[in-house]
C-alpha cells in the first residue's frame, strides 16, 4: 500500500481518474459520509418503522447504485470517461455537489432528533414544514440526488452515471413509501395538507 496519502488516494479513486480536481469529488463524499455516520447517533427513539422486506423496494436499487457509483467498480472494469469537462467544468459540478450536500445537512440539522436513516415514526413525531421542509418534502433526498447526479456527470464513466441514476430512483421510491407511511401515522389531514402545499423532491414545482 502506498505510504504517501496522495498516492493512496490516487490508487483508491483511480476508477474516477487520478487527477485533481476529480479527486475533490471523492474527498467531498468521504467527508459527507464520515460526518453523516457520526451524526447518526443523534436520533430520537423509534416508535414504529417499515418492515425490512418492504424496505427492499428502495434499498436494492440504492445498494446496486452505490456499488456502481464507487470508483473501485470503474477501476475493476477498466473504464474511461465518455467525456471530459476540463478543470473548470469539474469545479462547477463540484460546487453543485457541495450545494446538494449542504442542503442535506441543513435539512438534517433542522429535522433534529426526528431524523432516521430508515422510514420510521419517532416519539413525538409531527409534520415539519419549515426551513428546507417548506421548499420540498424530502430535502435530504433532493440534496443527495443533486450531488450524486452532478458527480456522475463530472466523473463521466458509464457506471458512475448509472449508479447515480439508480440511487436517485431508490431515493424517489423511498420518498413515496415514506409518504404513505407518514400519512397513515401522522394522519391524512395533517400530512395530506402538507403534501398539497409543498412539492416532493423538486423545489418550486407547482402543486395540483
Protein backbone atom coordinates (compact mmCIF):
# COMPACT_ATOMS: atom_id res chain seq x y z
CA UNK A 1 0.00 0.00 0.00
CA UNK A 2 1.40 3.46 -0.83
CA UNK A 3 2.85 5.33 2.15
CA UNK A 4 2.05 8.73 0.66
CA UNK A 5 -1.63 9.68 1.37
CA UNK A 6 -1.84 11.35 -2.04
CA UNK A 7 -0.70 8.14 -3.74
CA UNK A 8 -3.18 6.12 -1.69
CA UNK A 9 -5.99 8.49 -2.71
CA UNK A 10 -4.98 8.21 -6.36
CA UNK A 11 -4.97 4.42 -6.15
CA UNK A 12 -8.28 4.18 -4.27
CA UNK A 13 -10.12 6.51 -6.60
CA UNK A 14 -8.43 5.66 -9.88
CA UNK A 15 -11.75 4.38 -11.19
CA UNK A 16 -12.85 8.00 -11.36
CA UNK A 17 -9.44 9.36 -12.51
CA UNK A 18 -6.29 10.00 -10.54
CA UNK A 19 -6.02 13.72 -11.15
CA UNK A 20 -7.21 16.84 -9.43
CA UNK A 21 -9.90 18.26 -9.42
CA UNK A 22 -11.84 14.99 -9.89
CA UNK A 23 -10.26 13.78 -6.64
CA UNK A 24 -12.03 16.70 -4.98
CA UNK A 25 -15.34 14.93 -5.60
CA UNK A 26 -14.09 11.86 -3.74
CA UNK A 27 -12.97 13.99 -0.80
CA UNK A 28 -16.35 15.75 -0.68
CA UNK A 29 -18.24 12.44 -0.48
CA UNK A 30 -15.83 10.93 2.05
CA UNK A 31 -16.25 13.98 4.30
CA UNK A 32 -20.04 13.84 3.96
CA UNK A 33 -20.18 10.09 4.66
CA UNK A 34 -17.96 10.34 7.76
CA UNK A 35 -19.94 13.25 9.20
CA UNK A 36 -23.30 11.63 8.40
CA UNK A 37 -22.37 8.36 10.08
CA UNK A 38 -21.08 10.23 13.13
CA UNK A 39 -24.33 12.21 13.37
CA UNK A 40 -26.47 9.07 13.07
CA UNK A 41 -26.19 8.57 16.83
CA UNK A 42 -28.17 11.81 17.32
CA UNK A 43 -31.66 10.50 16.79
CA UNK A 44 -34.82 10.13 18.84
CA UNK A 45 -36.42 6.89 19.98
CA UNK A 46 -38.25 4.97 17.27
CA UNK A 47 -41.94 4.24 17.82
CA UNK A 48 -42.63 2.31 14.59
CA UNK A 49 -40.77 1.52 11.36
CA UNK A 50 -41.36 -0.01 7.94
CA UNK A 51 -40.73 -3.76 7.77
CA UNK A 52 -37.37 -4.89 6.34
CA UNK A 53 -38.88 -6.83 3.42
CA UNK A 54 -40.86 -3.78 2.32
CA UNK A 55 -37.79 -1.56 2.56
CA UNK A 56 -36.06 -3.74 -0.03
CA UNK A 57 -38.03 -1.88 -2.69
CA UNK A 58 -35.77 1.13 -2.20
CA UNK A 59 -32.72 -0.46 -0.56
CA UNK A 60 -31.91 -2.73 -3.51
CA UNK A 61 -31.63 0.00 -6.20
CA UNK A 62 -29.69 2.20 -3.76
CA UNK A 63 -27.28 -0.64 -2.94
CA UNK A 64 -26.74 -1.62 -6.58
CA UNK A 65 -26.35 2.04 -7.49
CA UNK A 66 -23.81 2.59 -4.72
CA UNK A 67 -21.71 -0.36 -5.96
CA UNK A 68 -21.72 1.05 -9.49
CA UNK A 69 -21.09 4.59 -8.26
CA UNK A 70 -17.96 3.78 -6.25
CA UNK A 71 -14.63 4.31 -8.04
CA UNK A 72 -13.47 0.73 -7.45
CA UNK A 73 -16.12 -0.56 -9.88
CA UNK A 74 -14.86 1.64 -12.68
CA UNK A 75 -11.28 0.62 -11.90
CA UNK A 76 -12.10 -3.11 -11.98
CA UNK A 77 -13.87 -2.66 -15.32
CA UNK A 78 -11.04 -0.54 -16.72
CA UNK A 79 -13.48 2.23 -17.63
CA UNK A 80 -12.57 5.51 -19.24
CA UNK A 81 -14.74 8.65 -19.08
CA UNK A 82 -17.07 9.07 -22.05
CA UNK A 83 -16.37 12.82 -21.95
CA UNK A 84 -14.00 15.32 -20.35
CA UNK A 85 -15.26 18.56 -18.81
CA UNK A 86 -11.89 20.11 -18.05
CA UNK A 87 -10.93 21.61 -14.71
CA UNK A 88 -13.44 24.47 -14.80
CA UNK A 89 -16.33 22.15 -15.61
CA UNK A 90 -15.41 19.75 -12.81
CA UNK A 91 -15.07 22.63 -10.34
CA UNK A 92 -18.53 23.87 -11.29
CA UNK A 93 -20.03 20.40 -10.84
CA UNK A 94 -18.14 20.03 -7.55
CA UNK A 95 -19.77 23.28 -6.41
CA UNK A 96 -23.17 21.83 -7.34
CA UNK A 97 -22.29 18.69 -5.36
CA UNK A 98 -21.31 20.78 -2.33
CA UNK A 99 -24.56 22.74 -2.63
CA UNK A 100 -26.54 19.49 -2.65
CA UNK A 101 -24.65 18.10 0.34
CA UNK A 102 -25.08 21.38 2.23
CA UNK A 103 -28.82 21.15 1.59
CA UNK A 104 -28.85 17.66 3.17
CA UNK A 105 -27.12 18.99 6.27
CA UNK A 106 -29.45 21.96 6.58
CA UNK A 107 -32.36 19.52 6.48
CA UNK A 108 -30.66 17.07 8.86
CA UNK A 109 -30.00 19.75 11.47
CA UNK A 110 -33.46 21.27 11.02
CA UNK A 111 -35.12 17.88 11.48
CA UNK A 112 -33.16 17.23 14.66
CA UNK A 113 -33.95 14.06 16.56
CA UNK A 114 -36.82 13.21 14.20
CA UNK A 115 -34.24 12.16 11.60
CA UNK A 116 -33.76 8.48 10.81
CA UNK A 117 -31.94 6.58 8.09
CA UNK A 118 -34.92 4.22 7.77
CA UNK A 119 -38.62 5.01 7.38
CA UNK A 120 -39.74 5.40 10.99
CA UNK A 121 -42.22 7.10 13.28
CA UNK A 122 -40.28 8.77 16.10
CA UNK A 123 -41.65 9.52 19.54
CA UNK A 124 -43.43 12.89 19.38
CA UNK A 125 -43.21 12.91 15.58
CA UNK A 126 -45.07 15.74 13.82
CA UNK A 127 -45.15 17.35 10.40
CA UNK A 128 -42.12 19.62 9.86
CA UNK A 129 -42.92 22.26 7.26
CA UNK A 130 -40.36 24.97 7.98
CA UNK A 131 -36.81 25.63 6.73
CA UNK A 132 -35.87 23.31 3.84
CA UNK A 133 -39.05 21.32 4.53
CA UNK A 134 -41.01 24.36 3.40
CA UNK A 135 -39.32 24.07 0.00
CA UNK A 136 -39.55 20.31 -0.58
CA UNK A 137 -40.97 17.45 1.47
CA UNK A 138 -37.74 15.41 1.24
CA UNK A 139 -34.83 17.89 1.17
CA UNK A 140 -32.26 15.28 2.18
CA UNK A 141 -33.13 13.21 -0.89
CA UNK A 142 -33.19 16.37 -3.02
CA UNK A 143 -29.67 17.27 -1.92
CA UNK A 144 -28.29 13.76 -2.34
CA UNK A 145 -29.84 13.29 -5.78
CA UNK A 146 -28.44 16.65 -6.88
CA UNK A 147 -24.96 15.82 -5.60
CA UNK A 148 -24.95 12.27 -6.97
CA UNK A 149 -26.07 13.28 -10.46
CA UNK A 150 -23.58 16.17 -10.58
CA UNK A 151 -20.77 13.84 -9.52
CA UNK A 152 -21.77 11.16 -12.00
CA UNK A 153 -21.74 13.68 -14.84
CA UNK A 154 -18.40 15.11 -13.69
CA UNK A 155 -16.76 11.67 -13.47
CA UNK A 156 -18.19 10.77 -16.86
CA UNK A 157 -17.99 6.97 -16.64
CA UNK A 158 -20.99 4.82 -17.53
CA UNK A 159 -21.00 3.05 -14.15
CA UNK A 160 -20.80 6.29 -12.16
CA UNK A 161 -23.69 7.83 -14.09
CA UNK A 162 -25.78 4.65 -13.98
CA UNK A 163 -25.07 4.31 -10.26
CA UNK A 164 -26.17 7.90 -9.64
CA UNK A 165 -29.41 7.27 -11.55
CA UNK A 166 -30.17 4.05 -9.64
CA UNK A 167 -29.52 5.74 -6.30
CA UNK A 168 -31.83 8.57 -7.36
CA UNK A 169 -34.56 6.09 -8.33
CA UNK A 170 -34.15 4.31 -4.98
CA UNK A 171 -34.47 7.58 -3.08
CA UNK A 172 -37.56 8.53 -5.07
CA UNK A 173 -39.08 5.14 -4.24
CA UNK A 174 -38.14 5.60 -0.57
CA UNK A 175 -39.79 9.05 -0.57
CA UNK A 176 -43.02 7.54 -1.94
CA UNK A 177 -43.02 4.79 0.69
CA UNK A 178 -42.25 7.29 3.42
CA UNK A 179 -45.17 9.45 2.39
CA UNK A 180 -47.62 6.56 2.56
CA UNK A 181 -46.23 5.56 5.96
CA UNK A 182 -46.37 9.11 7.40
CA UNK A 183 -49.84 9.72 6.01
CA UNK A 184 -51.04 6.69 7.99
CA UNK A 185 -49.03 7.51 11.12
CA UNK A 186 -49.50 11.30 11.30
CA UNK A 187 -52.95 11.49 9.76
CA UNK A 188 -54.24 12.16 6.26
CA UNK A 189 -55.39 15.65 7.20
CA UNK A 190 -52.06 16.82 8.62
CA UNK A 191 -49.66 15.16 6.20
CA UNK A 192 -52.00 15.30 3.21
CA UNK A 193 -52.35 19.06 3.61
CA UNK A 194 -48.55 19.37 3.70
CA UNK A 195 -48.23 17.28 0.52
CA UNK A 196 -50.69 19.54 -1.28
CA UNK A 197 -48.70 22.65 -0.35
CA UNK A 198 -45.09 21.56 -0.84
CA UNK A 199 -43.51 19.64 -3.77
CA UNK A 200 -41.98 16.23 -3.06
CA UNK A 201 -38.39 16.47 -4.32
CA UNK A 202 -38.07 19.20 -6.96
CA UNK A 203 -38.27 22.69 -5.41
CA UNK A 204 -40.77 25.25 -6.72
CA UNK A 205 -42.64 22.61 -8.73
CA UNK A 206 -46.31 23.69 -8.97
CA UNK A 207 -48.66 21.53 -6.90
CA UNK A 208 -52.06 20.37 -8.03
